[in-house]
Structures are given as structure tokens and as C-alpha cells.
Amino acid sequence: MLVLAAVLVLVALGIWLYCLFEVLSTNEGETRHLPKFAWFLIVLLGFEVGAVAWLLFGRRRRFVTADVTAWPPDFLLSGEGSRGEPAASAPLGPDDDPEFLRQLDERLRGDDQD
């Protein structure tokens, strides 16, 4: 039971330290709802409650939604490599190249005749 309590305390301490350092490393303009210094005090004095508040309400979301992209939509849908240029064709594998298959068939037939 004592080991479980020690593990839980270490996990709580780790989360608190992570949030504390994240508040310190976050730029002033990236915090939500409160200034950076206020978030620092909340996390520092609030321990786990402050850390959870920071994770839920203080930091900006870091994920990108599927509809956000750096490429213009007409570029993505056009099938072009760059504007006005046709896209480069994908290289064919040896098993898709008719010339290679023909040469392979000739070699195999030649080996059978020997």
C-alpha cells in the first residue's frame, strides 16, 4: 500500500513539474484566459488542481484539424506537381513494366531450352 501511495505521489509530482515548466516555456501570447504570470502562480500554488486547470484551460490546443493545410485547395485537387506543370508520373515497379516482363519471359524460355 505504501508503494502505491509513493507511485501516485511521484506521478502527481511529475504532472505538476511538467505543467510548471510548460507554463514557463510558453510564450505570453499562447496562453488562454489569463496572463502567463497568473497561470504560473495558479500552477505553483494550486499543485494538481492548478496543473489540471492549466492543461484544460490555460494552454493552446496543439493539434491541427484535418481541414487546415498550407496548400491551396486547387493545388491539392488539380493533380499538378506545381502550378501549370503536369505531375511527375510515379515510377513503375519492375513487375508493372511490360518491357521488363517480356525480357524476363525470354530469359526464362532461354533457360528452359538449354
C-alpha atoms as a PDB file:
ATOM      1  CA  MET A   1       0.000   0.000   0.000  1.00  0.00           C
ATOM      2  CA  LEU A   2       2.875   2.326   0.789  1.00  0.00           C
ATOM      3  CA  VAL A   3       4.464   1.643  -2.603  1.00  0.00           C
ATOM      4  CA  LEU A   4       1.215   2.525  -4.395  1.00  0.00           C
ATOM      5  CA  ALA A   5       0.993   5.788  -2.463  1.00  0.00           C
ATOM      6  CA  ALA A   6       4.605   6.599  -3.331  1.00  0.00           C
ATOM      7  CA  VAL A   7       3.965   5.908  -7.027  1.00  0.00           C
ATOM      8  CA  LEU A   8       0.873   8.130  -7.012  1.00  0.00           C
ATOM      9  CA  VAL A   9       2.799  10.939  -5.317  1.00  0.00           C
ATOM     10  CA  LEU A  10       5.583  10.643  -7.910  1.00  0.00           C
ATOM     11  CA  VAL A  11       3.079  10.713 -10.780  1.00  0.00           C
ATOM     12  CA  ALA A  12       1.354  13.766  -9.294  1.00  0.00           C
ATOM     13  CA  LEU A  13       4.711  15.470  -8.797  1.00  0.00           C
ATOM     14  CA  GLY A  14       5.707  14.669 -12.383  1.00  0.00           C
ATOM     15  CA  ILE A  15       2.490  16.124 -13.800  1.00  0.00           C
ATOM     16  CA  TRP A  16       2.892  19.227 -11.642  1.00  0.00           C
ATOM     17  CA  LEU A  17       6.506  19.749 -12.716  1.00  0.00           C
ATOM     18  CA  TYR A  18       5.596  19.185 -16.374  1.00  0.00           C
ATOM     19  CA  CYS A  19       2.855  21.820 -16.185  1.00  0.00           C
ATOM     20  CA  LEU A  20       5.076  24.226 -14.278  1.00  0.00           C
ATOM     21  CA  PHE A  21       7.830  24.011 -16.893  1.00  0.00           C
ATOM     22  CA  GLU A  22       5.305  24.188 -19.719  1.00  0.00           C
ATOM     23  CA  VAL A  23       3.881  27.425 -18.311  1.00  0.00           C
ATOM     24  CA  LEU A  24       7.397  28.840 -18.054  1.00  0.00           C
ATOM     25  CA  SER A  25       8.293  27.843 -21.619  1.00  0.00           C
ATOM     26  CA  THR A  26       5.042  29.034 -23.198  1.00  0.00           C
ATOM     27  CA  ASN A  27       5.125  32.396 -24.964  1.00  0.00           C
ATOM     28  CA  GLU A  28       2.969  35.128 -23.466  1.00  0.00           C
ATOM     29  CA  GLY A  29       0.641  35.202 -26.465  1.00  0.00           C
ATOM     30  CA  GLU A  30      -0.001  31.458 -26.392  1.00  0.00           C
ATOM     31  CA  THR A  31      -1.797  31.336 -23.028  1.00  0.00           C
ATOM     32  CA  ARG A  32      -5.559  31.425 -22.849  1.00  0.00           C
ATOM     33  CA  HIS A  33      -7.881  33.256 -20.443  1.00  0.00           C
ATOM     34  CA  LEU A  34      -5.165  34.630 -18.102  1.00  0.00           C
ATOM     35  CA  PRO A  35      -1.683  36.154 -18.383  1.00  0.00           C
ATOM     36  CA  LYS A  36       1.306  33.840 -18.183  1.00  0.00           C
ATOM     37  CA  PHE A  37       2.321  35.050 -14.710  1.00  0.00           C
ATOM     38  CA  ALA A  38      -1.165  34.299 -13.348  1.00  0.00           C
ATOM     39  CA  TRP A  39      -1.018  30.778 -14.778  1.00  0.00           C
ATOM     40  CA  PHE A  40       2.401  30.311 -13.223  1.00  0.00           C
ATOM     41  CA  LEU A  41       1.055  31.257  -9.787  1.00  0.00           C
ATOM     42  CA  ILE A  42      -2.020  29.054 -10.206  1.00  0.00           C
ATOM     43  CA  VAL A  43       0.067  26.017 -11.133  1.00  0.00           C
ATOM     44  CA  LEU A  44       2.710  26.752  -8.483  1.00  0.00           C
ATOM     45  CA  LEU A  45       0.288  27.287  -5.602  1.00  0.00           C
ATOM     46  CA  GLY A  46      -2.551  25.052  -6.757  1.00  0.00           C
ATOM     47  CA  PHE A  47      -0.384  21.950  -7.232  1.00  0.00           C
ATOM     48  CA  GLU A  48      -2.508  19.303  -9.015  1.00  0.00           C
ATOM     49  CA  VAL A  49      -5.654  21.421  -9.263  1.00  0.00           C
ATOM     50  CA  GLY A  50      -3.617  24.209 -10.840  1.00  0.00           C
ATOM     51  CA  ALA A  51      -1.862  21.743 -13.156  1.00  0.00           C
ATOM     52  CA  VAL A  52      -5.153  20.267 -14.355  1.00  0.00           C
ATOM     53  CA  ALA A  53      -6.574  23.781 -14.808  1.00  0.00           C
ATOM     54  CA  TRP A  54      -3.543  24.665 -16.947  1.00  0.00           C
ATOM     55  CA  LEU A  55      -3.932  21.538 -19.071  1.00  0.00           C
ATOM     56  CA  LEU A  56      -7.650  22.135 -19.625  1.00  0.00           C
ATOM     57  CA  PHE A  57      -7.940  25.922 -19.836  1.00  0.00           C
ATOM     58  CA  GLY A  58      -4.547  27.604 -19.998  1.00  0.00           C
ATOM     59  CA  ARG A  59      -2.598  26.253 -22.910  1.00  0.00           C
ATOM     60  CA  ARG A  60      -3.458  26.482 -26.559  1.00  0.00           C
ATOM     61  CA  ARG A  61      -4.520  23.359 -28.348  1.00  0.00           C
ATOM     62  CA  ARG A  62      -1.578  21.946 -30.290  1.00  0.00           C
ATOM     63  CA  PHE A  63      -3.379  19.653 -32.703  1.00  0.00           C
ATOM     64  CA  VAL A  64      -4.187  20.595 -36.285  1.00  0.00           C
ATOM     65  CA  THR A  65      -7.606  19.891 -37.692  1.00  0.00           C
ATOM     66  CA  ALA A  66      -7.932  17.984 -40.935  1.00  0.00           C
ATOM     67  CA  ASP A  67      -9.253  20.969 -42.911  1.00  0.00           C
ATOM     68  CA  VAL A  68      -6.234  23.180 -42.170  1.00  0.00           C
ATOM     69  CA  THR A  69      -3.430  22.896 -44.690  1.00  0.00           C
ATOM     70  CA  ALA A  70      -0.664  25.039 -46.086  1.00  0.00           C
ATOM     71  CA  TRP A  71      -1.511  24.056 -49.668  1.00  0.00           C
ATOM     72  CA  PRO A  72      -4.261  25.842 -51.591  1.00  0.00           C
ATOM     73  CA  PRO A  73      -7.258  23.592 -52.329  1.00  0.00           C
ATOM     74  CA  ASP A  74      -6.985  23.989 -56.114  1.00  0.00           C
ATOM     75  CA  PHE A  75      -3.376  22.794 -55.940  1.00  0.00           C
ATOM     76  CA  LEU A  76      -4.328  19.697 -53.955  1.00  0.00           C
ATOM     77  CA  LEU A  77      -7.158  18.729 -56.289  1.00  0.00           C
ATOM     78  CA  SER A  78      -5.511  19.614 -59.596  1.00  0.00           C
ATOM     79  CA  GLY A  79      -3.115  16.666 -59.807  1.00  0.00           C
ATOM     80  CA  GLU A  80      -0.312  19.006 -60.774  1.00  0.00           C
ATOM     81  CA  GLY A  81       3.201  18.946 -59.319  1.00  0.00           C
ATOM     82  CA  SER A  82       3.396  22.721 -59.296  1.00  0.00           C
ATOM     83  CA  ARG A  83       1.169  25.304 -60.872  1.00  0.00           C
ATOM     84  CA  GLY A  84       0.978  24.783 -64.605  1.00  0.00           C
ATOM     85  CA  GLU A  85       3.250  21.739 -64.695  1.00  0.00           C
ATOM     86  CA  PRO A  86       1.959  18.199 -65.055  1.00  0.00           C
ATOM     87  CA  ALA A  87       2.608  15.936 -62.116  1.00  0.00           C
ATOM     88  CA  ALA A  88       5.557  13.595 -62.463  1.00  0.00           C
ATOM     89  CA  SER A  89       4.427  10.065 -63.127  1.00  0.00           C
ATOM     90  CA  ALA A  90       5.133   7.594 -60.394  1.00  0.00           C
ATOM     91  CA  PRO A  91       7.966   5.200 -61.178  1.00  0.00           C
ATOM     92  CA  LEU A  92       6.821   1.811 -62.312  1.00  0.00           C
ATOM     93  CA  GLY A  93       7.923  -1.256 -60.460  1.00  0.00           C
ATOM     94  CA  PRO A  94       9.623  -3.994 -62.486  1.00  0.00           C
ATOM     95  CA  ASP A  95       6.527  -6.160 -62.380  1.00  0.00           C
ATOM     96  CA  ASP A  96       4.478  -3.324 -63.952  1.00  0.00           C
ATOM     97  CA  ASP A  97       6.901  -2.658 -66.812  1.00  0.00           C
ATOM     98  CA  PRO A  98       5.813  -4.604 -69.926  1.00  0.00           C
ATOM     99  CA  GLU A  99       9.308  -4.433 -71.436  1.00  0.00           C
ATOM    100  CA  PHE A 100      10.864  -5.956 -68.323  1.00  0.00           C
ATOM    101  CA  LEU A 101       8.244  -8.698 -68.232  1.00  0.00           C
ATOM    102  CA  ARG A 102       8.903  -9.518 -71.891  1.00  0.00           C
ATOM    103  CA  GLN A 103      12.684  -9.744 -71.299  1.00  0.00           C
ATOM    104  CA  LEU A 104      12.131 -11.896 -68.230  1.00  0.00           C
ATOM    105  CA  ASP A 105       9.879 -14.234 -70.193  1.00  0.00           C
ATOM    106  CA  GLU A 106      12.523 -14.542 -72.942  1.00  0.00           C
ATOM    107  CA  ARG A 107      15.233 -15.322 -70.372  1.00  0.00           C
ATOM    108  CA  LEU A 108      13.084 -17.959 -68.719  1.00  0.00           C
ATOM    109  CA  ARG A 109      12.298 -19.590 -72.072  1.00  0.00           C
ATOM    110  CA  GLY A 110      16.001 -19.479 -72.989  1.00  0.00           C
ATOM    111  CA  ASP A 111      16.914 -21.282 -69.745  1.00  0.00           C
ATOM    112  CA  ASP A 112      14.327 -23.992 -70.460  1.00  0.00           C
ATOM    113  CA  GLN A 113      15.752 -24.626 -73.942  1.00  0.00           C
ATOM    114  CA  ASP A 114      19.325 -25.194 -72.642  1.00  0.00           C
END
